[in-house]
Protein backbone atom coordinates (compact mmCIF):
# COMPACT_ATOMS: atom_id res chain seq x y z
CA MET A 1 -165.32 15.33 -51.71
CA THR A 2 -161.68 16.34 -51.99
CA THR A 3 -158.52 16.38 -49.90
CA SER A 4 -156.31 19.47 -49.88
CA ILE A 5 -152.72 18.48 -50.63
CA ARG A 6 -149.39 20.05 -51.55
CA GLY A 7 -147.24 18.76 -54.38
CA ALA A 8 -144.44 19.50 -56.87
CA VAL A 9 -146.09 20.35 -60.19
CA LEU A 10 -144.20 20.61 -63.47
CA THR A 11 -145.50 23.66 -65.33
CA GLU A 12 -142.88 23.95 -68.09
CA ILE A 13 -141.01 21.35 -70.14
CA GLY A 14 -137.50 22.02 -71.45
CA ALA A 15 -136.78 24.98 -69.20
CA THR A 16 -133.23 26.34 -69.24
CA ARG A 17 -130.75 25.04 -66.72
CA PRO A 18 -130.00 25.38 -63.87
CA TYR A 19 -133.52 24.45 -62.82
CA ARG A 20 -133.12 26.20 -59.47
CA ASP A 21 -133.19 29.45 -61.47
CA SER A 22 -135.76 28.63 -64.17
CA ALA A 23 -137.98 26.80 -61.61
CA PRO A 24 -140.08 24.57 -63.90
CA LEU A 25 -141.41 22.82 -60.77
CA GLU A 26 -143.70 24.68 -58.38
CA ILE A 27 -144.94 23.62 -54.94
CA ARG A 28 -148.68 24.11 -55.26
CA VAL A 29 -151.82 23.49 -53.25
CA LEU A 30 -154.17 21.09 -55.05
CA ASP A 31 -157.55 19.47 -54.56
CA LEU A 32 -157.37 15.68 -54.72
CA ALA A 33 -160.64 13.89 -55.43
CA ASP A 34 -161.70 10.93 -53.32
CA PRO A 35 -160.76 7.51 -54.71
CA ARG A 36 -163.17 5.72 -57.05
CA THR A 37 -164.08 2.07 -56.56
CA ASP A 38 -160.81 0.80 -58.12
CA GLU A 39 -158.61 3.27 -56.24
CA ILE A 40 -157.01 4.06 -52.89
CA LEU A 41 -155.96 7.28 -51.16
CA VAL A 42 -152.38 7.11 -49.87
CA ARG A 43 -150.57 9.44 -47.50
CA ILE A 44 -147.08 9.62 -48.99
CA GLU A 45 -144.29 8.82 -46.52
CA ALA A 46 -141.28 8.71 -48.86
CA ALA A 47 -140.52 9.32 -52.53
CA GLY A 48 -137.35 8.86 -54.54
CA ILE A 49 -136.08 11.10 -57.33
CA CYS A 50 -135.48 9.05 -60.47
CA HIS A 51 -133.95 9.91 -63.83
CA SER A 52 -137.37 9.22 -65.35
CA ASP A 53 -138.63 12.31 -63.49
CA LEU A 54 -135.80 14.38 -64.96
CA SER A 55 -136.60 12.99 -68.41
CA VAL A 56 -140.03 14.61 -68.20
CA VAL A 57 -138.61 17.90 -66.90
CA ASP A 58 -136.02 18.20 -69.70
CA GLY A 59 -138.39 17.03 -72.45
CA ASN A 60 -136.79 13.69 -73.32
CA ARG A 61 -140.10 12.05 -72.39
CA VAL A 62 -142.90 14.26 -73.57
CA ARG A 63 -145.86 14.34 -71.20
CA PRO A 64 -148.86 16.66 -70.84
CA ILE A 65 -148.55 19.52 -68.35
CA PRO A 66 -149.21 20.70 -65.72
CA MET A 67 -148.19 17.37 -64.20
CA LEU A 68 -147.62 16.39 -60.58
CA LEU A 69 -144.39 14.40 -60.78
CA GLY A 70 -142.99 11.45 -58.83
CA HIS A 71 -143.43 7.72 -59.43
CA GLU A 72 -141.10 6.05 -56.89
CA ALA A 73 -143.08 6.30 -53.66
CA ALA A 74 -144.52 4.55 -50.62
CA GLY A 75 -147.10 5.47 -48.05
CA ILE A 76 -150.04 4.56 -45.82
CA VAL A 77 -153.53 3.83 -47.15
CA GLU A 78 -156.14 6.24 -45.76
CA GLN A 79 -159.19 5.49 -47.94
CA VAL A 80 -160.15 2.42 -49.97
CA GLY A 81 -162.60 2.08 -52.85
CA ALA A 82 -165.00 -0.88 -52.81
CA ARG A 83 -163.27 -2.83 -55.61
CA ALA A 84 -159.85 -2.11 -54.14
CA ALA A 85 -161.06 -3.46 -50.80
CA GLN A 86 -162.03 -6.71 -52.53
CA ASP A 87 -158.42 -6.94 -53.73
CA GLY A 88 -157.25 -6.89 -50.12
CA PHE A 89 -156.34 -3.23 -49.54
CA SER A 90 -157.17 -1.89 -46.06
CA VAL A 91 -156.83 1.43 -44.28
CA GLY A 92 -153.46 1.45 -42.51
CA ASP A 93 -151.63 -0.71 -45.06
CA ARG A 94 -148.20 0.41 -46.16
CA VAL A 95 -148.01 0.26 -49.94
CA VAL A 96 -145.33 0.71 -52.57
CA MET A 97 -146.32 2.21 -55.91
CA ALA A 98 -145.94 0.46 -59.28
CA PHE A 99 -145.29 2.88 -62.13
CA LEU A 100 -146.74 0.62 -64.83
CA PRO A 101 -150.11 -0.85 -63.85
CA ARG A 102 -151.33 -4.09 -65.41
CA CYS A 103 -154.91 -4.86 -66.37
CA GLY A 104 -154.13 -8.59 -66.55
CA GLU A 105 -156.21 -9.12 -69.68
CA CYS A 106 -154.60 -7.39 -72.69
CA ASP A 107 -152.10 -8.87 -75.17
CA GLY A 108 -149.23 -7.23 -73.31
CA CYS A 109 -150.26 -8.68 -69.95
CA ARG A 110 -150.64 -12.14 -71.49
CA THR A 111 -146.89 -12.17 -72.20
CA GLY A 112 -146.29 -12.64 -68.48
CA GLY A 113 -144.42 -9.39 -68.04
CA VAL A 114 -142.31 -9.45 -71.20
CA MET A 115 -144.39 -6.66 -72.76
CA PRO A 116 -146.07 -3.74 -70.99
CA CYS A 117 -149.80 -3.51 -70.36
CA VAL A 118 -151.56 -1.81 -73.28
CA PRO A 119 -154.19 0.21 -71.35
CA GLY A 120 -151.70 0.87 -68.54
CA THR A 121 -149.22 2.34 -70.99
CA ALA A 122 -151.92 4.43 -72.64
CA ALA A 123 -153.08 5.81 -69.28
CA ASN A 124 -149.52 6.71 -68.32
CA GLY A 125 -148.91 8.52 -71.60
CA ALA A 126 -152.12 10.49 -71.21
CA GLY A 127 -151.35 11.44 -67.60
CA GLU A 128 -154.46 9.65 -66.34
CA LEU A 129 -155.31 6.83 -63.96
CA MET A 130 -156.41 3.41 -65.21
CA SER A 131 -160.09 4.23 -64.65
CA GLY A 132 -159.70 7.32 -66.82
CA GLY A 133 -159.19 10.99 -66.12
CA SER A 134 -157.35 12.88 -63.40
CA ARG A 135 -158.18 13.29 -59.71
CA LEU A 136 -156.07 16.44 -59.40
CA ARG A 137 -156.95 20.13 -59.73
CA PHE A 138 -155.27 23.33 -58.69
CA ALA A 139 -156.96 24.77 -55.62
CA GLY A 140 -158.69 28.02 -56.45
CA ASP A 141 -159.03 28.07 -60.23
CA GLY A 142 -159.86 24.35 -60.65
CA THR A 143 -157.43 23.78 -63.54
CA GLY A 144 -156.86 20.06 -64.10
CA VAL A 145 -153.44 18.57 -63.34
CA PHE A 146 -152.11 15.36 -64.91
CA HIS A 147 -150.80 12.31 -63.04
CA HIS A 148 -147.24 11.04 -63.52
CA LEU A 149 -147.12 7.32 -64.35
CA GLY A 150 -150.28 6.77 -62.34
CA VAL A 151 -148.57 7.77 -59.09
CA SER A 152 -147.70 11.50 -58.67
CA GLY A 153 -145.73 10.79 -55.52
CA PHE A 154 -144.08 14.19 -55.01
CA ALA A 155 -146.97 15.21 -52.80
CA THR A 156 -148.46 14.82 -49.36
CA HIS A 157 -151.12 12.41 -50.69
CA ALA A 158 -151.94 10.49 -53.87
CA VAL A 159 -154.91 8.64 -55.30
CA VAL A 160 -153.76 5.59 -57.25
CA ASP A 161 -155.41 2.67 -58.98
CA ARG A 162 -155.41 -0.65 -57.10
CA ARG A 163 -153.20 -2.00 -59.90
CA SER A 164 -150.61 0.69 -59.16
CA ALA A 165 -149.95 -0.33 -55.56
CA VAL A 166 -148.65 -3.37 -53.68
CA VAL A 167 -148.99 -3.94 -49.93
CA VAL A 168 -145.69 -4.44 -48.08
CA GLY A 169 -145.01 -5.34 -44.47
CA ALA A 170 -145.25 -2.63 -41.82
CA ASP A 171 -141.67 -3.53 -40.84
CA VAL A 172 -140.36 -2.29 -44.22
CA PRO A 173 -139.15 1.31 -43.72
CA PRO A 174 -140.91 3.73 -46.09
CA GLU A 175 -137.64 4.99 -47.58
CA VAL A 176 -136.79 1.39 -48.48
CA ALA A 177 -140.28 0.56 -49.71
CA ALA A 178 -140.26 3.59 -52.03
CA VAL A 179 -137.28 2.41 -54.07
CA LEU A 180 -138.73 -1.09 -54.40
CA GLY A 181 -141.15 0.33 -56.95
CA CYS A 182 -138.52 1.48 -59.45
CA ALA A 183 -134.80 1.18 -58.64
CA VAL A 184 -135.04 -2.33 -57.20
CA LEU A 185 -137.58 -3.39 -59.79
CA THR A 186 -135.28 -2.20 -62.57
CA GLY A 187 -131.94 -3.44 -61.26
CA GLY A 188 -133.19 -6.64 -59.67
CA GLY A 189 -135.46 -7.35 -62.61
CA ALA A 190 -132.50 -7.10 -64.99
CA VAL A 191 -130.77 -9.90 -63.11
CA VAL A 192 -133.77 -12.18 -62.60
CA ASN A 193 -135.85 -11.56 -65.72
CA ALA A 194 -133.82 -10.12 -68.60
CA GLY A 195 -130.59 -11.77 -67.47
CA ALA A 196 -132.28 -15.04 -66.46
CA ALA A 197 -129.42 -15.76 -64.05
CA LYS A 198 -128.97 -19.39 -63.05
CA ASP A 199 -126.98 -21.39 -60.56
CA GLY A 200 -123.25 -21.12 -61.20
CA ASP A 201 -123.42 -17.85 -63.14
CA ASP A 202 -120.95 -15.12 -62.25
CA ILE A 203 -122.68 -11.74 -62.48
CA ALA A 204 -121.01 -8.36 -63.05
CA ILE A 205 -122.75 -5.05 -62.48
CA VAL A 206 -121.32 -1.98 -64.22
CA GLY A 207 -122.38 1.32 -62.65
CA LEU A 208 -123.13 1.27 -58.94
CA GLY A 209 -125.78 3.90 -58.50
CA GLY A 210 -129.24 3.11 -57.13
CA VAL A 211 -130.20 0.73 -59.93
CA GLY A 212 -126.78 -0.90 -60.00
CA MET A 213 -126.72 -1.46 -56.26
CA ALA A 214 -130.21 -3.00 -56.49
CA ALA A 215 -128.91 -5.39 -59.14
CA LEU A 216 -125.91 -6.21 -56.97
CA LEU A 217 -128.07 -6.89 -53.90
CA THR A 218 -130.33 -9.14 -55.96
CA ALA A 219 -127.37 -11.02 -57.44
CA ALA A 220 -125.82 -11.47 -53.99
CA SER A 221 -129.10 -12.79 -52.57
CA LEU A 222 -129.32 -15.46 -55.27
CA GLY A 223 -125.95 -16.97 -54.37
CA TYR A 224 -125.39 -18.36 -57.87
CA GLY A 225 -121.75 -17.39 -58.48
CA ARG A 226 -119.34 -14.52 -58.02
CA VAL A 227 -120.90 -11.05 -57.78
CA ILE A 228 -118.60 -8.42 -59.26
CA GLY A 229 -119.11 -4.67 -58.88
CA ILE A 230 -117.53 -2.26 -61.37
CA ASP A 231 -117.48 1.53 -61.04
CA GLY A 232 -115.06 4.40 -61.41
CA VAL A 233 -115.78 5.78 -57.94
CA ARG A 234 -113.83 4.10 -55.18
CA SER A 235 -116.38 4.85 -52.44
CA LYS A 236 -119.04 3.01 -54.45
CA LEU A 237 -116.77 -0.01 -54.74
CA ASP A 238 -116.29 0.01 -50.98
CA ARG A 239 -120.04 0.15 -50.48
CA ALA A 240 -120.53 -2.70 -52.95
CA ARG A 241 -118.20 -4.83 -50.84
CA GLU A 242 -120.30 -4.04 -47.78
CA LEU A 243 -123.46 -5.07 -49.64
CA GLY A 244 -122.15 -8.46 -50.69
CA ALA A 245 -119.92 -8.11 -53.76
CA ASP A 246 -117.25 -10.80 -53.97
CA GLU A 247 -114.96 -8.67 -56.11
CA VAL A 248 -114.85 -4.99 -57.08
CA TYR A 249 -112.94 -3.18 -59.80
CA THR A 250 -112.65 0.11 -61.60
CA PRO A 251 -113.28 -0.32 -65.36
CA GLU A 252 -109.53 -0.18 -65.96
CA GLU A 253 -108.82 -2.79 -63.28
CA ALA A 254 -111.49 -5.10 -64.69
CA ALA A 255 -109.91 -4.87 -68.14
CA ASP A 256 -106.41 -5.51 -66.76
CA ALA A 257 -107.66 -8.49 -64.76
CA GLY A 258 -109.29 -10.00 -67.86
CA ILE A 259 -112.68 -10.35 -66.17
CA ARG A 260 -115.15 -12.36 -68.26
CA VAL A 261 -118.61 -13.36 -67.04
CA PRO A 262 -121.76 -14.84 -68.64
CA LEU A 263 -124.06 -12.09 -67.33
CA VAL A 264 -123.36 -8.36 -67.21
CA VAL A 265 -125.84 -5.72 -66.07
CA GLU A 266 -125.00 -2.22 -67.34
CA ALA A 267 -126.78 0.12 -64.93
CA ALA A 268 -125.30 3.54 -65.72
CA GLY A 269 -126.84 4.29 -69.11
CA HIS A 270 -123.60 5.86 -70.32
CA PRO A 271 -121.61 5.01 -73.49
CA ARG A 272 -118.40 4.33 -71.56
CA ALA A 273 -120.21 2.03 -69.16
CA PHE A 274 -121.70 0.15 -72.11
CA GLU A 275 -118.24 -0.24 -73.62
CA THR A 276 -116.98 -1.66 -70.32
CA ALA A 277 -119.95 -4.05 -70.08
CA PHE A 278 -119.55 -5.22 -73.67
CA ALA A 279 -115.87 -6.00 -73.08
CA LEU A 280 -116.74 -8.31 -70.19
C-alpha cells in the first residue's frame, strides 16, 4: 500500500538564480510506499533548511534527480516495521532524523564515529534507503523519486530506516527536535568530539549562525571555561550573550583585545571567518 503525500522535489540541478524564477524545486504529489521491516513512517512536523540542501540545488554536491530534499526534520511515528519495533520504535513516538545512518558493523562504524558508515554513505550517495531502493514515486506516472540523505523531510510524511531516526521526549518541541539532527549535531559535535574540550578550556566560536549558536550552547552547558562568541553582526552577539556567552566580540574587537584560546570552532565556512579563527 502507499500513502499520498506532498513534498518539495528537486527536478533540476544548477538552475540559474534567483531560484524563485528558475524554480528547480516543485511541490508535487507523490506515492510513499509503506515501511519495510527496518523502517518507520513519520508524519513530518518540522524541517529546517540547511546549506547542505542548497549544495544539492546548486550542484556543489551532485545527487541523482528527481530528489525529494530535506534532511533536518522531526515528526511523529505513524507506522512501524517489525524490526524497527524490536529496536523500540512505537506509533506516537516523536523522532528526530539522522542524516547519516550507521550499520554498526562496517570498518567506518568500528571507528566509534570518527569515520562515516560505509553502507550508509553509499545509500545516501545513491539516493536510497539503507535497505535499498526508494519508497517514493510521482503520483500518476509512477516515476521513481530519490531520497535525500535517507530522510527527504521537505514533505508531509517520510519513510526512513530505523537507523536514520532517534526517539526524543514528547516535551521537546518539533522545531527544536528538527535542528538536533544537523545543526546541533554539527556545532555541538565540533566542541565535544573534534575539539575534545576539557575542564578549564576557554572556547571561542566564530560565526554565530545556527551551527555556531549550537556550538555556543554546547560549550556553555559544559561549564569548562570562558565561552566567547565572535561575529560581525551585533544582534547575533547580543543573542549569544542571552544564550550563555561570557564574552562577545566582533572580529576586529577580538583582534584588538588579543583574545587567545585553546579551542576555536569556526562555524561560518567563510575565508574571513577562518582567518579570524586561525588568529585566535
